[in-house]
């Protein structure tokens, strides 16, 4: 089934592209979330006409993400938490905690932009990946120390 992407979809494509997907994936996931439209000839023409607008929006978003990435490169976060003698935390440091720390530093990110699969449960120094845009990625330097 051919569909036109109305928004960027990870591992599928960018906004405005015509892609082939399985009918169930389109019907059950993409269409209910408003991520795609049916690839009719009229819709394809409309997307081609709007492609310049998509490119301008994408360039603006990329420039904004690059500015945020420069801010993030200069930030080092330190978190003081309770830990046992082996360095294991009594709690954990999650993306939500990092998000609150970044807001205190003047950087606003969504939780899903912080690429952390599992919360941290050890003391140490870490680099946390951050996905700001499809083409712009950065990292946060994080130091977890004993309270």
N, C-alpha and C. Protein backbone atom coordinates (compact mmCIF):
# COMPACT_ATOMS: atom_id res chain seq x y z
N UNK A 1 0.85 -1.17 0.00
CA UNK A 1 0.00 0.00 0.00
C UNK A 1 0.90 1.24 0.00
N UNK A 2 0.64 2.17 -0.91
CA UNK A 2 1.41 3.40 -0.96
C UNK A 2 0.72 4.48 -0.16
N UNK A 3 1.52 5.18 0.66
CA UNK A 3 1.00 6.29 1.46
C UNK A 3 1.98 7.46 1.38
N UNK A 4 1.47 8.64 1.69
CA UNK A 4 2.30 9.85 1.73
C UNK A 4 2.49 10.21 3.19
N UNK A 5 3.74 10.39 3.60
CA UNK A 5 4.02 10.74 4.99
C UNK A 5 3.70 12.22 5.24
N UNK A 6 2.88 12.47 6.25
CA UNK A 6 2.54 13.84 6.62
C UNK A 6 3.48 14.38 7.69
N UNK A 7 4.20 13.48 8.35
CA UNK A 7 5.19 13.85 9.37
C UNK A 7 6.36 12.90 9.23
N UNK A 8 7.49 13.26 9.85
CA UNK A 8 8.64 12.37 9.87
C UNK A 8 8.29 11.15 10.72
N UNK A 9 8.62 9.98 10.23
CA UNK A 9 8.40 8.73 10.96
C UNK A 9 9.74 8.00 10.99
N UNK A 10 10.24 7.72 12.20
CA UNK A 10 11.50 7.03 12.33
C UNK A 10 11.45 5.69 11.62
N UNK A 11 12.54 5.33 10.98
CA UNK A 11 12.72 4.08 10.25
C UNK A 11 11.75 3.90 9.08
N UNK A 12 11.10 4.99 8.65
CA UNK A 12 10.19 4.90 7.52
C UNK A 12 10.49 5.98 6.49
N UNK A 13 10.59 7.23 6.91
CA UNK A 13 10.89 8.29 5.95
C UNK A 13 10.59 9.66 6.50
N UNK A 14 10.80 10.64 5.63
CA UNK A 14 10.58 12.05 5.98
C UNK A 14 9.24 12.52 5.45
N UNK A 15 8.82 13.66 5.96
CA UNK A 15 7.56 14.25 5.55
C UNK A 15 7.55 14.50 4.05
N UNK A 16 6.44 14.16 3.40
CA UNK A 16 6.29 14.39 1.97
C UNK A 16 6.71 13.23 1.10
N UNK A 17 7.35 12.23 1.63
CA UNK A 17 7.78 11.08 0.83
C UNK A 17 6.63 10.11 0.61
N UNK A 18 6.66 9.45 -0.53
CA UNK A 18 5.70 8.38 -0.82
C UNK A 18 6.41 7.07 -0.53
N UNK A 19 5.84 6.29 0.40
CA UNK A 19 6.46 5.04 0.81
C UNK A 19 5.45 3.90 0.72
N UNK A 20 5.98 2.69 0.60
CA UNK A 20 5.13 1.50 0.59
C UNK A 20 5.17 0.88 1.98
N UNK A 21 3.99 0.62 2.54
CA UNK A 21 3.89 -0.04 3.84
C UNK A 21 2.84 -1.14 3.73
N UNK A 22 2.84 -1.99 4.71
CA UNK A 22 1.83 -3.04 4.74
C UNK A 22 0.48 -2.42 5.11
N UNK A 23 -0.60 -2.95 4.56
CA UNK A 23 -1.92 -2.36 4.81
C UNK A 23 -2.29 -2.32 6.30
N UNK A 24 -1.95 -3.36 7.05
CA UNK A 24 -2.29 -3.38 8.47
C UNK A 24 -1.55 -2.31 9.26
N UNK A 25 -0.29 -2.09 8.93
CA UNK A 25 0.52 -1.06 9.59
C UNK A 25 -0.09 0.31 9.32
N UNK A 26 -0.48 0.56 8.07
CA UNK A 26 -1.09 1.84 7.72
C UNK A 26 -2.44 2.00 8.41
N UNK A 27 -3.26 0.99 8.32
CA UNK A 27 -4.63 1.07 8.85
C UNK A 27 -4.67 1.15 10.38
N UNK A 28 -3.79 0.40 11.05
CA UNK A 28 -3.88 0.31 12.50
C UNK A 28 -2.97 1.27 13.27
N UNK A 29 -1.91 1.76 12.62
CA UNK A 29 -0.98 2.61 13.34
C UNK A 29 -0.84 4.00 12.72
N UNK A 30 -0.50 4.04 11.44
CA UNK A 30 -0.17 5.32 10.81
C UNK A 30 -1.38 6.24 10.59
N UNK A 31 -2.46 5.70 10.04
CA UNK A 31 -3.63 6.53 9.76
C UNK A 31 -4.30 7.04 11.04
N UNK A 32 -4.54 6.22 12.08
CA UNK A 32 -5.18 6.75 13.29
C UNK A 32 -4.37 7.86 13.97
N UNK A 33 -3.05 7.86 13.81
CA UNK A 33 -2.21 8.88 14.43
C UNK A 33 -2.02 10.10 13.53
N UNK A 34 -2.59 10.07 12.34
CA UNK A 34 -2.50 11.19 11.42
C UNK A 34 -1.12 11.36 10.81
N UNK A 35 -0.37 10.27 10.69
CA UNK A 35 0.99 10.34 10.16
C UNK A 35 1.05 10.21 8.64
N UNK A 36 0.00 9.65 8.02
CA UNK A 36 0.02 9.42 6.58
C UNK A 36 -1.33 9.76 5.96
N UNK A 37 -1.30 9.89 4.62
CA UNK A 37 -2.51 10.04 3.82
C UNK A 37 -2.40 9.08 2.65
N UNK A 38 -3.52 8.70 2.09
CA UNK A 38 -3.51 7.79 0.95
C UNK A 38 -2.80 8.45 -0.23
N UNK A 39 -2.04 7.68 -0.98
CA UNK A 39 -1.24 8.21 -2.09
C UNK A 39 -2.06 8.23 -3.38
N UNK A 40 -3.01 9.12 -3.45
CA UNK A 40 -3.80 9.30 -4.67
C UNK A 40 -3.06 10.27 -5.58
N UNK A 41 -3.38 10.28 -6.88
CA UNK A 41 -2.70 11.22 -7.78
C UNK A 41 -2.87 12.68 -7.35
N UNK A 42 -4.05 13.04 -6.88
CA UNK A 42 -4.28 14.41 -6.42
C UNK A 42 -3.45 14.74 -5.19
N UNK A 43 -3.35 13.81 -4.27
CA UNK A 43 -2.56 14.04 -3.06
C UNK A 43 -1.08 14.15 -3.39
N UNK A 44 -0.61 13.37 -4.37
CA UNK A 44 0.80 13.45 -4.77
C UNK A 44 1.11 14.82 -5.36
N UNK A 45 0.21 15.34 -6.21
CA UNK A 45 0.41 16.68 -6.78
C UNK A 45 0.45 17.74 -5.69
N UNK A 46 -0.46 17.62 -4.73
CA UNK A 46 -0.52 18.60 -3.64
C UNK A 46 0.77 18.57 -2.82
N UNK A 47 1.29 17.39 -2.55
CA UNK A 47 2.52 17.26 -1.77
C UNK A 47 3.70 17.85 -2.54
N UNK A 48 3.74 17.64 -3.85
CA UNK A 48 4.82 18.22 -4.66
C UNK A 48 4.78 19.74 -4.59
N UNK A 49 3.59 20.31 -4.61
CA UNK A 49 3.46 21.77 -4.53
C UNK A 49 3.87 22.29 -3.16
N UNK A 50 3.60 21.52 -2.13
CA UNK A 50 3.92 21.96 -0.77
C UNK A 50 5.33 21.57 -0.35
N UNK A 51 6.07 20.90 -1.22
CA UNK A 51 7.39 20.41 -0.83
C UNK A 51 8.34 21.55 -0.45
N UNK A 52 8.24 22.71 -1.12
CA UNK A 52 9.09 23.84 -0.76
C UNK A 52 8.83 24.28 0.67
N UNK A 53 7.56 24.29 1.04
CA UNK A 53 7.20 24.67 2.42
C UNK A 53 7.76 23.65 3.41
N UNK A 54 7.69 22.37 3.07
CA UNK A 54 8.24 21.33 3.94
C UNK A 54 9.75 21.52 4.11
N UNK A 55 10.44 21.83 3.02
CA UNK A 55 11.89 22.01 3.08
C UNK A 55 12.24 23.20 3.96
N UNK A 56 11.50 24.30 3.83
CA UNK A 56 11.75 25.48 4.66
C UNK A 56 11.52 25.17 6.14
N UNK A 57 10.44 24.47 6.44
CA UNK A 57 10.16 24.10 7.83
C UNK A 57 11.24 23.18 8.37
N UNK A 58 11.69 22.24 7.55
CA UNK A 58 12.72 21.31 7.98
C UNK A 58 14.04 22.04 8.23
N UNK A 59 14.40 22.97 7.36
CA UNK A 59 15.63 23.75 7.56
C UNK A 59 15.56 24.59 8.82
N UNK A 60 14.40 25.19 9.10
CA UNK A 60 14.25 25.99 10.32
C UNK A 60 14.37 25.10 11.55
N UNK A 61 13.73 23.93 11.52
CA UNK A 61 13.82 23.00 12.65
C UNK A 61 15.25 22.50 12.84
N UNK A 62 15.96 22.25 11.74
CA UNK A 62 17.35 21.80 11.82
C UNK A 62 18.23 22.89 12.44
N UNK A 63 18.02 24.15 12.04
CA UNK A 63 18.80 25.26 12.59
C UNK A 63 18.54 25.43 14.09
N UNK A 64 17.27 25.31 14.48
CA UNK A 64 16.93 25.41 15.91
C UNK A 64 17.57 24.27 16.69
N UNK A 65 17.54 23.07 16.12
CA UNK A 65 18.13 21.91 16.79
C UNK A 65 19.64 22.06 16.90
N UNK A 66 20.27 22.63 15.90
CA UNK A 66 21.71 22.85 15.95
C UNK A 66 22.07 23.83 17.06
N UNK A 67 21.26 24.87 17.24
CA UNK A 67 21.51 25.83 18.31
C UNK A 67 21.38 25.16 19.68
N UNK A 68 20.39 24.31 19.83
CA UNK A 68 20.21 23.59 21.10
C UNK A 68 21.36 22.61 21.32
N UNK A 69 21.84 21.98 20.25
CA UNK A 69 22.96 21.04 20.36
C UNK A 69 24.22 21.75 20.84
N UNK A 70 24.43 22.97 20.40
CA UNK A 70 25.59 23.74 20.86
C UNK A 70 25.47 24.05 22.35
N UNK A 71 24.26 24.36 22.80
CA UNK A 71 24.04 24.59 24.24
C UNK A 71 24.33 23.32 25.04
N UNK A 72 23.82 22.19 24.53
CA UNK A 72 23.99 20.92 25.24
C UNK A 72 25.45 20.50 25.32
N UNK A 73 26.22 20.84 24.31
CA UNK A 73 27.64 20.46 24.31
C UNK A 73 28.39 21.14 25.44
N UNK A 74 27.93 22.31 25.87
CA UNK A 74 28.60 23.06 26.93
C UNK A 74 28.11 22.69 28.33
N UNK A 75 27.05 21.89 28.42
CA UNK A 75 26.45 21.59 29.72
C UNK A 75 26.98 20.27 30.27
N UNK A 76 27.34 20.28 31.54
CA UNK A 76 27.66 19.05 32.27
C UNK A 76 26.74 19.00 33.48
N UNK A 77 25.97 17.95 33.59
CA UNK A 77 25.03 17.79 34.69
C UNK A 77 25.64 16.92 35.78
N UNK A 78 25.43 17.32 37.02
CA UNK A 78 25.87 16.52 38.16
C UNK A 78 24.65 16.22 39.02
N UNK A 79 24.47 14.95 39.33
CA UNK A 79 23.35 14.51 40.14
C UNK A 79 23.90 13.84 41.39
N UNK A 80 23.46 14.32 42.54
CA UNK A 80 23.86 13.71 43.81
C UNK A 80 22.71 12.84 44.30
N UNK A 81 22.98 11.53 44.44
CA UNK A 81 21.94 10.59 44.87
C UNK A 81 22.50 9.68 45.96
N UNK A 82 21.61 9.05 46.67
CA UNK A 82 22.02 8.10 47.71
C UNK A 82 22.44 6.80 47.05
N UNK A 83 23.55 6.25 47.54
CA UNK A 83 24.07 5.01 46.97
C UNK A 83 24.72 4.18 48.08
N UNK A 84 24.82 2.88 47.84
CA UNK A 84 25.49 2.01 48.81
C UNK A 84 27.00 2.05 48.58
N UNK A 85 27.73 1.23 49.34
CA UNK A 85 29.19 1.26 49.27
C UNK A 85 29.73 0.72 47.94
N UNK A 86 28.95 -0.11 47.25
CA UNK A 86 29.38 -0.66 45.96
C UNK A 86 29.10 0.28 44.79
N UNK A 87 28.44 1.40 45.05
CA UNK A 87 28.13 2.36 44.00
C UNK A 87 26.77 2.16 43.36
N UNK A 88 25.97 1.26 43.89
CA UNK A 88 24.62 1.06 43.36
C UNK A 88 23.68 2.09 43.99
N UNK A 89 22.85 2.68 43.17
CA UNK A 89 21.93 3.71 43.64
C UNK A 89 20.75 3.07 44.35
N UNK A 90 20.24 3.77 45.36
CA UNK A 90 19.02 3.30 46.03
C UNK A 90 17.79 3.58 45.19
N UNK A 91 17.90 4.49 44.28
CA UNK A 91 16.84 4.78 43.33
C UNK A 91 17.39 4.63 41.94
N UNK A 92 17.08 5.57 41.07
CA UNK A 92 17.65 5.58 39.73
C UNK A 92 17.60 7.00 39.18
N UNK A 93 18.34 7.23 38.14
CA UNK A 93 18.31 8.51 37.43
C UNK A 93 17.69 8.23 36.07
N UNK A 94 16.51 8.79 35.85
CA UNK A 94 15.74 8.50 34.65
C UNK A 94 15.74 9.70 33.70
N UNK A 95 15.19 9.53 32.50
CA UNK A 95 15.08 10.66 31.57
C UNK A 95 14.28 11.83 32.13
N UNK A 96 13.29 11.54 32.97
CA UNK A 96 12.50 12.61 33.57
C UNK A 96 13.38 13.46 34.50
N UNK A 97 14.25 12.81 35.27
CA UNK A 97 15.18 13.54 36.13
C UNK A 97 16.11 14.42 35.30
N UNK A 98 16.61 13.88 34.21
CA UNK A 98 17.49 14.65 33.33
C UNK A 98 16.75 15.82 32.71
N UNK A 99 15.50 15.60 32.35
CA UNK A 99 14.69 16.66 31.77
C UNK A 99 14.54 17.82 32.75
N UNK A 100 14.28 17.51 34.03
CA UNK A 100 14.14 18.56 35.05
C UNK A 100 15.45 19.31 35.26
N UNK A 101 16.56 18.59 35.24
CA UNK A 101 17.86 19.23 35.39
C UNK A 101 18.17 20.16 34.21
N UNK A 102 17.78 19.74 33.01
CA UNK A 102 18.02 20.57 31.84
C UNK A 102 17.15 21.83 31.85
N UNK A 103 15.93 21.71 32.35
CA UNK A 103 15.07 22.89 32.46
C UNK A 103 15.70 23.91 33.41
N UNK A 104 16.31 23.42 34.49
CA UNK A 104 17.00 24.32 35.42
C UNK A 104 18.19 25.00 34.74
N UNK A 105 18.78 24.37 33.73
CA UNK A 105 19.90 24.95 32.98
C UNK A 105 19.44 25.85 31.84
N UNK A 106 18.13 25.88 31.60
CA UNK A 106 17.59 26.74 30.55
C UNK A 106 17.40 26.06 29.21
N UNK A 107 17.42 24.73 29.19
CA UNK A 107 17.22 23.98 27.94
C UNK A 107 15.96 23.14 28.10
N UNK A 108 15.02 23.31 27.17
CA UNK A 108 13.77 22.56 27.24
C UNK A 108 13.79 21.45 26.19
N UNK A 109 13.68 20.23 26.67
CA UNK A 109 13.61 19.05 25.80
C UNK A 109 12.41 18.21 26.21
N UNK A 110 11.93 17.42 25.27
CA UNK A 110 10.92 16.44 25.61
C UNK A 110 11.61 15.18 26.11
N UNK A 111 10.92 14.45 26.95
CA UNK A 111 11.50 13.24 27.54
C UNK A 111 11.90 12.23 26.48
N UNK A 112 11.11 12.11 25.44
CA UNK A 112 11.40 11.11 24.41
C UNK A 112 12.62 11.47 23.57
N UNK A 113 13.08 12.71 23.63
CA UNK A 113 14.28 13.10 22.90
C UNK A 113 15.55 12.59 23.59
N UNK A 114 15.45 12.30 24.87
CA UNK A 114 16.60 11.81 25.62
C UNK A 114 16.68 10.31 25.37
N UNK A 115 17.74 9.88 24.73
CA UNK A 115 17.87 8.50 24.28
C UNK A 115 18.43 7.58 25.34
N UNK A 116 17.65 7.34 26.35
CA UNK A 116 18.09 6.49 27.45
C UNK A 116 17.17 5.28 27.51
N UNK A 117 17.73 4.09 27.24
CA UNK A 117 16.91 2.88 27.24
C UNK A 117 16.53 2.45 28.65
N UNK A 118 17.50 2.46 29.55
CA UNK A 118 17.29 2.05 30.94
C UNK A 118 17.76 3.17 31.85
N UNK A 119 17.10 3.38 32.99
CA UNK A 119 17.58 4.39 33.93
C UNK A 119 18.94 3.99 34.50
N UNK A 120 19.72 4.99 34.89
CA UNK A 120 21.02 4.72 35.49
C UNK A 120 20.84 4.24 36.92
N UNK A 121 21.58 3.19 37.31
CA UNK A 121 21.49 2.64 38.66
C UNK A 121 22.86 2.49 39.29
N UNK A 122 23.88 3.16 38.71
CA UNK A 122 25.25 3.10 39.20
C UNK A 122 25.83 4.51 39.28
N UNK A 123 26.79 4.70 40.17
CA UNK A 123 27.55 5.94 40.20
C UNK A 123 28.49 5.95 39.01
N UNK A 124 28.84 7.13 38.53
CA UNK A 124 29.81 7.21 37.46
C UNK A 124 29.58 8.38 36.53
N UNK A 125 30.37 8.41 35.48
CA UNK A 125 30.27 9.45 34.46
C UNK A 125 29.72 8.81 33.19
N UNK A 126 28.73 9.47 32.58
CA UNK A 126 28.05 8.91 31.42
C UNK A 126 27.85 9.98 30.36
N UNK A 127 27.67 9.55 29.13
CA UNK A 127 27.22 10.41 28.06
C UNK A 127 25.86 9.91 27.61
N UNK A 128 24.88 10.79 27.70
CA UNK A 128 23.51 10.43 27.36
C UNK A 128 23.20 11.00 25.97
N UNK A 129 22.84 10.16 25.00
CA UNK A 129 22.53 10.66 23.66
C UNK A 129 21.19 11.41 23.65
N UNK A 130 21.14 12.46 22.84
CA UNK A 130 19.93 13.27 22.70
C UNK A 130 19.65 13.42 21.21
N UNK A 131 18.42 13.11 20.82
CA UNK A 131 18.00 13.24 19.42
C UNK A 131 17.16 14.50 19.30
N UNK A 132 17.73 15.52 18.68
CA UNK A 132 17.06 16.81 18.56
C UNK A 132 16.28 16.95 17.25
N UNK A 133 16.77 16.29 16.20
CA UNK A 133 16.18 16.37 14.88
C UNK A 133 16.62 15.10 14.15
N UNK A 134 16.02 14.81 13.01
CA UNK A 134 16.44 13.62 12.27
C UNK A 134 17.92 13.66 11.92
N UNK A 135 18.45 14.85 11.66
CA UNK A 135 19.84 14.98 11.25
C UNK A 135 20.76 15.51 12.35
N UNK A 136 20.20 15.92 13.49
CA UNK A 136 21.00 16.54 14.54
C UNK A 136 20.90 15.72 15.82
N UNK A 137 22.05 15.27 16.26
CA UNK A 137 22.13 14.52 17.52
C UNK A 137 23.19 15.18 18.38
N UNK A 138 23.05 15.00 19.68
CA UNK A 138 24.01 15.57 20.62
C UNK A 138 24.14 14.60 21.79
N UNK A 139 24.91 15.01 22.79
CA UNK A 139 25.07 14.18 23.98
C UNK A 139 25.19 15.10 25.20
N UNK A 140 24.71 14.60 26.32
CA UNK A 140 24.80 15.31 27.60
C UNK A 140 25.82 14.58 28.45
N UNK A 141 26.72 15.34 29.06
CA UNK A 141 27.67 14.74 30.00
C UNK A 141 27.01 14.72 31.35
N UNK A 142 26.93 13.52 31.93
CA UNK A 142 26.25 13.33 33.21
C UNK A 142 27.19 12.70 34.21
N UNK A 143 27.27 13.32 35.39
CA UNK A 143 28.07 12.80 36.49
C UNK A 143 27.12 12.44 37.61
N UNK A 144 27.09 11.17 37.99
CA UNK A 144 26.27 10.72 39.11
C UNK A 144 27.20 10.47 40.28
N UNK A 145 27.00 11.26 41.34
CA UNK A 145 27.88 11.19 42.51
C UNK A 145 27.08 10.82 43.75
N UNK A 146 27.80 10.34 44.76
CA UNK A 146 27.16 9.95 46.02
C UNK A 146 26.76 11.21 46.79
N UNK A 147 25.59 11.17 47.37
CA UNK A 147 25.06 12.29 48.17
C UNK A 147 25.77 12.41 49.48
